C-alpha atoms as a PDB file:
ATOM      1  CA  UNK A   1     -74.731 -45.519  -1.323  1.00  0.00           C
ATOM      2  CA  UNK A   2     -74.705 -48.150   1.543  1.00  0.00           C
ATOM      3  CA  UNK A   3     -72.576 -51.105   1.754  1.00  0.00           C
ATOM      4  CA  UNK A   4     -72.538 -54.147   3.840  1.00  0.00           C
ATOM      5  CA  UNK A   5     -68.678 -53.888   4.187  1.00  0.00           C
ATOM      6  CA  UNK A   6     -67.647 -51.456   7.019  1.00  0.00           C
ATOM      7  CA  UNK A   7     -65.391 -48.724   6.049  1.00  0.00           C
ATOM      8  CA  UNK A   8     -61.430 -49.281   7.385  1.00  0.00           C
ATOM      9  CA  UNK A   9     -59.441 -47.199   9.585  1.00  0.00           C
ATOM     10  CA  UNK A  10     -56.274 -46.048   9.619  1.00  0.00           C
ATOM     11  CA  UNK A  11     -53.692 -43.843  11.648  1.00  0.00           C
ATOM     12  CA  UNK A  12     -52.214 -40.855   9.986  1.00  0.00           C
ATOM     13  CA  UNK A  13     -49.798 -38.420  12.052  1.00  0.00           C
ATOM     14  CA  UNK A  14     -48.660 -35.348  10.434  1.00  0.00           C
ATOM     15  CA  UNK A  15     -45.153 -34.986  11.280  1.00  0.00           C
ATOM     16  CA  UNK A  16     -43.528 -32.274  13.168  1.00  0.00           C
ATOM     17  CA  UNK A  17     -41.737 -30.947  10.075  1.00  0.00           C
ATOM     18  CA  UNK A  18     -45.155 -30.440   8.364  1.00  0.00           C
ATOM     19  CA  UNK A  19     -46.516 -28.933  11.435  1.00  0.00           C
ATOM     20  CA  UNK A  20     -43.544 -26.484  11.649  1.00  0.00           C
ATOM     21  CA  UNK A  21     -43.779 -25.891   7.706  1.00  0.00           C
ATOM     22  CA  UNK A  22     -47.643 -24.667   8.007  1.00  0.00           C
ATOM     23  CA  UNK A  23     -48.847 -27.719   6.146  1.00  0.00           C
ATOM     24  CA  UNK A  24     -51.469 -29.473   8.276  1.00  0.00           C
ATOM     25  CA  UNK A  25     -54.448 -27.614   6.660  1.00  0.00           C
ATOM     26  CA  UNK A  26     -53.065 -28.350   3.069  1.00  0.00           C
ATOM     27  CA  UNK A  27     -52.524 -32.283   4.178  1.00  0.00           C
ATOM     28  CA  UNK A  28     -56.045 -32.386   5.771  1.00  0.00           C
ATOM     29  CA  UNK A  29     -57.736 -31.038   2.913  1.00  0.00           C
ATOM     30  CA  UNK A  30     -56.180 -33.407   0.673  1.00  0.00           C
ATOM     31  CA  UNK A  31     -57.584 -36.361   2.851  1.00  0.00           C
ATOM     32  CA  UNK A  32     -61.213 -34.405   2.617  1.00  0.00           C
ATOM     33  CA  UNK A  33     -60.851 -33.577  -0.956  1.00  0.00           C
ATOM     34  CA  UNK A  34     -60.644 -37.524  -1.519  1.00  0.00           C
ATOM     35  CA  UNK A  35     -63.724 -38.278   0.467  1.00  0.00           C
ATOM     36  CA  UNK A  36     -62.203 -39.531   3.570  1.00  0.00           C
ATOM     37  CA  UNK A  37     -63.674 -38.977   6.876  1.00  0.00           C
ATOM     38  CA  UNK A  38     -61.567 -37.811  10.034  1.00  0.00           C
ATOM     39  CA  UNK A  39     -62.971 -39.719  13.071  1.00  0.00           C
ATOM     40  CA  UNK A  40     -60.686 -38.279  15.522  1.00  0.00           C
ATOM     41  CA  UNK A  41     -57.933 -35.561  15.642  1.00  0.00           C
ATOM     42  CA  UNK A  42     -55.366 -34.919  18.297  1.00  0.00           C
ATOM     43  CA  UNK A  43     -52.498 -32.178  18.326  1.00  0.00           C
ATOM     44  CA  UNK A  44     -49.734 -33.543  20.387  1.00  0.00           C
ATOM     45  CA  UNK A  45     -46.172 -34.196  21.105  1.00  0.00           C
ATOM     46  CA  UNK A  46     -44.977 -37.810  20.766  1.00  0.00           C
ATOM     47  CA  UNK A  47     -42.658 -38.694  23.857  1.00  0.00           C
ATOM     48  CA  UNK A  48     -39.961 -41.027  24.071  1.00  0.00           C
ATOM     49  CA  UNK A  49     -41.940 -44.189  25.514  1.00  0.00           C
ATOM     50  CA  UNK A  50     -44.644 -43.718  22.652  1.00  0.00           C
ATOM     51  CA  UNK A  51     -41.874 -43.376  20.051  1.00  0.00           C
ATOM     52  CA  UNK A  52     -40.489 -46.564  20.937  1.00  0.00           C
ATOM     53  CA  UNK A  53     -43.827 -48.505  20.970  1.00  0.00           C
ATOM     54  CA  UNK A  54     -45.027 -46.736  17.808  1.00  0.00           C
ATOM     55  CA  UNK A  55     -41.609 -47.702  15.755  1.00  0.00           C
ATOM     56  CA  UNK A  56     -41.027 -50.975  18.181  1.00  0.00           C
ATOM     57  CA  UNK A  57     -39.874 -52.854  14.991  1.00  0.00           C
ATOM     58  CA  UNK A  58     -37.263 -50.288  14.180  1.00  0.00           C
ATOM     59  CA  UNK A  59     -35.781 -49.740  17.789  1.00  0.00           C
ATOM     60  CA  UNK A  60     -32.618 -51.531  17.107  1.00  0.00           C
ATOM     61  CA  UNK A  61     -32.171 -50.333  13.618  1.00  0.00           C
ATOM     62  CA  UNK A  62     -29.372 -47.606  12.980  1.00  0.00           C
ATOM     63  CA  UNK A  63     -31.662 -45.336  11.528  1.00  0.00           C
ATOM     64  CA  UNK A  64     -34.211 -45.059  14.608  1.00  0.00           C
ATOM     65  CA  UNK A  65     -32.338 -42.885  17.050  1.00  0.00           C
ATOM     66  CA  UNK A  66     -32.208 -39.795  14.732  1.00  0.00           C
ATOM     67  CA  UNK A  67     -35.860 -40.645  13.512  1.00  0.00           C
ATOM     68  CA  UNK A  68     -36.967 -40.818  17.273  1.00  0.00           C
ATOM     69  CA  UNK A  69     -35.229 -37.443  17.966  1.00  0.00           C
ATOM     70  CA  UNK A  70     -37.196 -36.052  14.797  1.00  0.00           C
ATOM     71  CA  UNK A  71     -40.553 -37.377  15.845  1.00  0.00           C
ATOM     72  CA  UNK A  72     -40.398 -35.940  19.410  1.00  0.00           C
ATOM     73  CA  UNK A  73     -38.998 -32.560  18.146  1.00  0.00           C
ATOM     74  CA  UNK A  74     -42.391 -30.649  18.329  1.00  0.00           C
ATOM     75  CA  UNK A  75     -45.987 -31.196  17.959  1.00  0.00           C
ATOM     76  CA  UNK A  76     -47.584 -33.390  15.451  1.00  0.00           C
ATOM     77  CA  UNK A  77     -51.251 -34.161  14.654  1.00  0.00           C
ATOM     78  CA  UNK A  78     -52.645 -37.574  14.808  1.00  0.00           C
ATOM     79  CA  UNK A  79     -55.693 -38.513  13.088  1.00  0.00           C
ATOM     80  CA  UNK A  80     -57.919 -41.566  12.425  1.00  0.00           C
ATOM     81  CA  UNK A  81     -59.088 -41.516   8.987  1.00  0.00           C
ATOM     82  CA  UNK A  82     -62.037 -43.943   7.458  1.00  0.00           C
ATOM     83  CA  UNK A  83     -63.309 -44.685   4.176  1.00  0.00           C
ATOM     84  CA  UNK A  84     -63.435 -47.570   1.655  1.00  0.00           C
ATOM     85  CA  UNK A  85     -59.749 -49.114   1.509  1.00  0.00           C
ATOM     86  CA  UNK A  86     -58.552 -46.068   3.298  1.00  0.00           C
ATOM     87  CA  UNK A  87     -55.062 -47.808   4.362  1.00  0.00           C
ATOM     88  CA  UNK A  88     -54.366 -48.226   0.615  1.00  0.00           C
ATOM     89  CA  UNK A  89     -56.075 -44.842  -0.605  1.00  0.00           C
ATOM     90  CA  UNK A  90     -54.248 -42.900   1.885  1.00  0.00           C
ATOM     91  CA  UNK A  91     -50.514 -44.243   1.326  1.00  0.00           C
ATOM     92  CA  UNK A  92     -51.357 -43.711  -2.572  1.00  0.00           C
ATOM     93  CA  UNK A  93     -52.012 -40.121  -1.663  1.00  0.00           C
ATOM     94  CA  UNK A  94     -48.962 -39.658   0.621  1.00  0.00           C
ATOM     95  CA  UNK A  95     -46.569 -41.290  -1.886  1.00  0.00           C
ATOM     96  CA  UNK A  96     -43.252 -43.176  -1.654  1.00  0.00           C
ATOM     97  CA  UNK A  97     -41.625 -42.665   1.573  1.00  0.00           C
ATOM     98  CA  UNK A  98     -38.624 -40.678  -0.067  1.00  0.00           C
ATOM     99  CA  UNK A  99     -39.927 -37.073  -0.907  1.00  0.00           C
ATOM    100  CA  UNK A 100     -37.386 -36.972  -3.645  1.00  0.00           C
ATOM    101  CA  UNK A 101     -38.191 -40.095  -5.212  1.00  0.00           C
ATOM    102  CA  UNK A 102     -42.284 -39.635  -4.395  1.00  0.00           C
ATOM    103  CA  UNK A 103     -44.417 -39.006  -7.466  1.00  0.00           C
ATOM    104  CA  UNK A 104     -45.893 -35.484  -8.418  1.00  0.00           C
ATOM    105  CA  UNK A 105     -49.233 -34.955  -7.156  1.00  0.00           C
ATOM    106  CA  UNK A 106     -48.632 -36.942  -4.000  1.00  0.00           C
ATOM    107  CA  UNK A 107     -48.450 -35.206  -0.711  1.00  0.00           C
ATOM    108  CA  UNK A 108     -44.430 -36.002  -0.250  1.00  0.00           C
ATOM    109  CA  UNK A 109     -43.884 -35.640  -3.904  1.00  0.00           C
ATOM    110  CA  UNK A 110     -45.276 -32.115  -3.898  1.00  0.00           C
ATOM    111  CA  UNK A 111     -43.975 -31.096  -0.451  1.00  0.00           C
ATOM    112  CA  UNK A 112     -40.933 -32.810   0.765  1.00  0.00           C
ATOM    113  CA  UNK A 113     -37.489 -33.177  -0.105  1.00  0.00           C
ATOM    114  CA  UNK A 114     -36.632 -35.738   2.748  1.00  0.00           C
ATOM    115  CA  UNK A 115     -36.464 -39.404   3.148  1.00  0.00           C
ATOM    116  CA  UNK A 116     -36.995 -39.058   7.178  1.00  0.00           C
ATOM    117  CA  UNK A 117     -38.757 -35.549   7.337  1.00  0.00           C
ATOM    118  CA  UNK A 118     -41.178 -36.897   4.813  1.00  0.00           C
ATOM    119  CA  UNK A 119     -44.190 -34.920   6.474  1.00  0.00           C
ATOM    120  CA  UNK A 120     -46.621 -37.829   7.081  1.00  0.00           C
ATOM    121  CA  UNK A 121     -46.875 -41.233   8.487  1.00  0.00           C
ATOM    122  CA  UNK A 122     -49.738 -43.635   7.607  1.00  0.00           C
ATOM    123  CA  UNK A 123     -50.417 -47.377   8.883  1.00  0.00           C
ATOM    124  CA  UNK A 124     -49.140 -49.757   5.896  1.00  0.00           C
ATOM    125  CA  UNK A 125     -51.794 -52.758   6.712  1.00  0.00           C
ATOM    126  CA  UNK A 126     -54.787 -53.781   8.519  1.00  0.00           C
ATOM    127  CA  UNK A 127     -52.619 -55.127  11.270  1.00  0.00           C
ATOM    128  CA  UNK A 128     -50.233 -52.046  11.753  1.00  0.00           C
ATOM    129  CA  UNK A 129     -53.364 -49.830  11.593  1.00  0.00           C
ATOM    130  CA  UNK A 130     -55.105 -51.914  14.367  1.00  0.00           C
ATOM    131  CA  UNK A 131     -51.748 -51.753  16.715  1.00  0.00           C
ATOM    132  CA  UNK A 132     -51.171 -47.944  15.855  1.00  0.00           C
ATOM    133  CA  UNK A 133     -54.801 -46.752  16.427  1.00  0.00           C
ATOM    134  CA  UNK A 134     -54.754 -48.465  19.953  1.00  0.00           C
ATOM    135  CA  UNK A 135     -51.559 -46.899  20.951  1.00  0.00           C
ATOM    136  CA  UNK A 136     -52.716 -43.218  19.873  1.00  0.00           C
ATOM    137  CA  UNK A 137     -56.461 -43.560  20.237  1.00  0.00           C
ATOM    138  CA  UNK A 138     -57.101 -46.369  22.994  1.00  0.00           C
ATOM    139  CA  UNK A 139     -60.782 -44.744  23.482  1.00  0.00           C
ATOM    140  CA  UNK A 140     -61.672 -45.931  20.147  1.00  0.00           C
ATOM    141  CA  UNK A 141     -60.707 -49.793  20.428  1.00  0.00           C
END
């Protein structure tokens, strides 16, 4: 099953709430069962400078300070996933941003009751994937 179209790559962050709740394996297994590949993975803590770069478009918004506090509150897992239409596939797997409204069967729909502490971040477009991958995994650019 070879294709002339190269697989896409996307950034996925398993957020501090998921790490604290012991959900890392559950979340990774959902991506693996779907057939996506993990090209790189690292556990680390997001510092304030990286938070400001990662969320550059939100820094001036009123919801950003508590988001920054949450995202820098403890370890997270950053991953590079690849596969056919991986950005769209991952976003479908994780579900709507608000875990209270996300569909059953999605990661957030099954495991989250929050809008901010919603377990997972995933790039939302090819452009944001390129920008975020360069921030988190510069050695792959």
